[in-house]
N, C-alpha and C. Protein backbone atom coordinates (compact mmCIF):
# COMPACT_ATOMS: atom_id res chain seq x y z
N MET A 1 169.87 118.20 74.17
CA MET A 1 168.87 118.94 74.94
C MET A 1 167.99 117.95 75.72
N ALA A 2 167.79 118.23 76.98
CA ALA A 2 166.99 117.36 77.84
C ALA A 2 165.51 117.49 77.52
N ALA A 3 164.81 116.39 77.67
CA ALA A 3 163.36 116.41 77.49
C ALA A 3 162.73 117.22 78.61
N PRO A 4 161.57 117.85 78.35
CA PRO A 4 160.92 118.69 79.38
C PRO A 4 160.68 117.95 80.70
N MET A 5 160.24 116.68 80.64
CA MET A 5 159.98 115.93 81.87
C MET A 5 161.27 115.70 82.63
N GLU A 6 162.35 115.39 81.92
CA GLU A 6 163.64 115.18 82.57
C GLU A 6 164.11 116.45 83.27
N THR A 7 163.91 117.58 82.63
CA THR A 7 164.29 118.86 83.21
C THR A 7 163.52 119.12 84.50
N ILE A 8 162.24 118.83 84.48
CA ILE A 8 161.40 119.02 85.68
C ILE A 8 161.87 118.10 86.81
N LEU A 9 162.16 116.85 86.49
CA LEU A 9 162.62 115.91 87.51
C LEU A 9 163.95 116.34 88.11
N VAL A 10 164.85 116.84 87.28
CA VAL A 10 166.13 117.32 87.79
C VAL A 10 165.90 118.47 88.76
N LYS A 11 165.00 119.37 88.43
CA LYS A 11 164.72 120.50 89.31
C LYS A 11 164.07 120.04 90.62
N ILE A 12 163.20 119.06 90.55
CA ILE A 12 162.56 118.53 91.76
C ILE A 12 163.61 117.89 92.67
N PHE A 13 164.48 117.06 92.09
CA PHE A 13 165.51 116.42 92.91
C PHE A 13 166.52 117.42 93.43
N ALA A 14 166.84 118.44 92.66
CA ALA A 14 167.77 119.48 93.13
C ALA A 14 167.17 120.22 94.32
N THR A 15 165.89 120.50 94.26
CA THR A 15 165.20 121.16 95.37
C THR A 15 165.17 120.25 96.60
N ALA A 16 164.87 118.98 96.39
CA ALA A 16 164.85 118.04 97.50
C ALA A 16 166.23 117.89 98.12
N LEU A 17 167.26 117.87 97.29
CA LEU A 17 168.63 117.76 97.79
C LEU A 17 169.01 118.99 98.60
N ALA A 18 168.68 120.17 98.09
CA ALA A 18 168.99 121.40 98.82
C ALA A 18 168.26 121.44 100.16
N LEU A 19 166.99 121.08 100.16
CA LEU A 19 166.21 121.05 101.42
C LEU A 19 166.80 120.02 102.38
N SER A 20 167.19 118.87 101.86
CA SER A 20 167.79 117.83 102.70
C SER A 20 169.06 118.32 103.36
N GLN A 21 169.88 119.02 102.60
CA GLN A 21 171.14 119.54 103.16
C GLN A 21 170.87 120.58 104.24
N VAL A 22 169.98 121.49 103.96
CA VAL A 22 169.70 122.59 104.90
C VAL A 22 169.10 122.06 106.19
N THR A 23 168.26 121.04 106.10
CA THR A 23 167.60 120.53 107.31
C THR A 23 168.46 119.55 108.09
N THR A 24 169.40 118.88 107.43
CA THR A 24 170.18 117.85 108.14
C THR A 24 171.63 118.24 108.39
N THR A 25 172.23 119.02 107.50
CA THR A 25 173.64 119.43 107.66
C THR A 25 173.80 120.89 107.25
N PRO A 26 173.16 121.81 107.98
CA PRO A 26 173.19 123.22 107.56
C PRO A 26 174.59 123.85 107.53
N ASP A 27 175.53 123.29 108.27
CA ASP A 27 176.88 123.84 108.28
C ASP A 27 177.75 123.29 107.16
N ALA A 28 177.24 122.35 106.39
CA ALA A 28 178.04 121.72 105.34
C ALA A 28 177.30 121.66 104.01
N VAL A 29 176.61 122.73 103.64
CA VAL A 29 175.86 122.76 102.39
C VAL A 29 176.83 122.79 101.22
N LYS A 30 176.59 121.90 100.29
CA LYS A 30 177.44 121.76 99.11
C LYS A 30 176.62 122.17 97.89
N THR A 31 177.19 122.95 97.00
CA THR A 31 176.43 123.45 95.85
C THR A 31 176.74 122.74 94.54
N GLN A 32 177.78 121.91 94.54
CA GLN A 32 178.11 121.16 93.32
C GLN A 32 178.39 119.72 93.68
N PHE A 33 177.91 118.82 92.83
CA PHE A 33 178.13 117.40 93.01
C PHE A 33 178.60 116.80 91.70
N ASP A 34 179.48 115.82 91.80
CA ASP A 34 179.92 115.08 90.62
C ASP A 34 178.92 113.95 90.39
N ARG A 35 178.46 113.83 89.16
CA ARG A 35 177.43 112.86 88.82
C ARG A 35 177.80 111.43 89.22
N VAL A 36 179.05 111.05 89.06
CA VAL A 36 179.48 109.69 89.36
C VAL A 36 180.03 109.58 90.78
N ARG A 37 180.94 110.43 91.12
CA ARG A 37 181.67 110.33 92.39
C ARG A 37 180.78 110.58 93.62
N ASP A 38 179.78 111.42 93.51
CA ASP A 38 178.98 111.81 94.67
C ASP A 38 177.62 111.12 94.77
N GLN A 39 177.39 110.06 94.00
CA GLN A 39 176.09 109.40 94.03
C GLN A 39 175.71 108.90 95.42
N GLU A 40 176.63 108.28 96.10
CA GLU A 40 176.36 107.74 97.43
C GLU A 40 176.03 108.86 98.42
N GLN A 41 176.78 109.95 98.35
CA GLN A 41 176.54 111.08 99.26
C GLN A 41 175.17 111.70 98.99
N VAL A 42 174.81 111.85 97.73
CA VAL A 42 173.51 112.41 97.37
C VAL A 42 172.39 111.50 97.88
N ALA A 43 172.54 110.20 97.69
CA ALA A 43 171.53 109.25 98.17
C ALA A 43 171.38 109.34 99.68
N GLN A 44 172.49 109.44 100.39
CA GLN A 44 172.44 109.55 101.85
C GLN A 44 171.76 110.85 102.28
N LEU A 45 172.08 111.95 101.61
CA LEU A 45 171.45 113.24 101.94
C LEU A 45 169.95 113.20 101.71
N LEU A 46 169.53 112.63 100.57
CA LEU A 46 168.10 112.55 100.28
C LEU A 46 167.39 111.66 101.30
N HIS A 47 168.00 110.56 101.67
CA HIS A 47 167.41 109.67 102.68
C HIS A 47 167.29 110.38 104.02
N ALA A 48 168.35 111.07 104.42
CA ALA A 48 168.33 111.81 105.70
C ALA A 48 167.28 112.91 105.67
N GLY A 49 167.15 113.59 104.54
CA GLY A 49 166.15 114.65 104.41
C GLY A 49 164.74 114.10 104.51
N CYS A 50 164.49 112.97 103.86
CA CYS A 50 163.17 112.34 103.94
C CYS A 50 162.85 111.91 105.37
N THR A 51 163.83 111.34 106.03
CA THR A 51 163.65 110.93 107.42
C THR A 51 163.34 112.13 108.30
N HIS A 52 164.05 113.22 108.09
CA HIS A 52 163.83 114.43 108.88
C HIS A 52 162.41 114.97 108.67
N ILE A 53 161.96 115.03 107.42
CA ILE A 53 160.62 115.55 107.13
C ILE A 53 159.55 114.64 107.73
N ARG A 54 159.74 113.32 107.62
CA ARG A 54 158.75 112.40 108.22
C ARG A 54 158.66 112.62 109.72
N LYS A 55 159.80 112.80 110.38
CA LYS A 55 159.79 113.04 111.83
C LYS A 55 159.20 114.41 112.16
N ALA A 56 159.56 115.42 111.40
CA ALA A 56 159.10 116.79 111.67
C ALA A 56 157.58 116.90 111.54
N PHE A 57 157.00 116.17 110.60
CA PHE A 57 155.56 116.24 110.39
C PHE A 57 154.84 115.01 110.93
N ASP A 58 155.56 114.19 111.68
CA ASP A 58 154.99 112.99 112.30
C ASP A 58 154.24 112.13 111.27
N ILE A 59 154.92 111.84 110.17
CA ILE A 59 154.34 111.04 109.10
C ILE A 59 154.77 109.59 109.29
N GLU A 60 153.78 108.70 109.30
CA GLU A 60 154.08 107.28 109.43
C GLU A 60 154.30 106.69 108.04
N THR A 61 155.21 105.76 107.96
CA THR A 61 155.42 105.05 106.71
C THR A 61 154.68 103.71 106.79
N SER A 62 154.48 103.09 105.66
CA SER A 62 153.74 101.82 105.66
C SER A 62 154.49 100.73 106.41
N THR A 63 155.82 100.84 106.52
CA THR A 63 156.59 99.84 107.23
C THR A 63 156.59 100.07 108.75
N SER A 64 156.18 101.25 109.20
CA SER A 64 156.22 101.53 110.63
C SER A 64 154.87 101.28 111.32
N ARG A 65 153.86 100.91 110.56
CA ARG A 65 152.55 100.63 111.15
C ARG A 65 152.49 99.20 111.67
N ASN A 66 151.72 99.01 112.71
CA ASN A 66 151.56 97.67 113.28
C ASN A 66 150.36 96.99 112.69
C-alpha cells in the first residue's frame, strides 16, 4: 500500500501529465504508460506542458531574466 503522500504526488503528476497532453498534443492523448518503457515520453510531455503554461501565462523563469 502506498503512503498517503506518495498517493497525492502520483495524482498531482497524473493531472500534470494529462494537462500537458491536452495542451500540447490534443490529437494524441494517451491514457496508459509503462513505468519503465515510457519514462522519456512522460518527461518530454511534462516539459512541453510546463513550457506551454509558461508561455500562455507569460511567466518568466529565473534563467530567462537578464
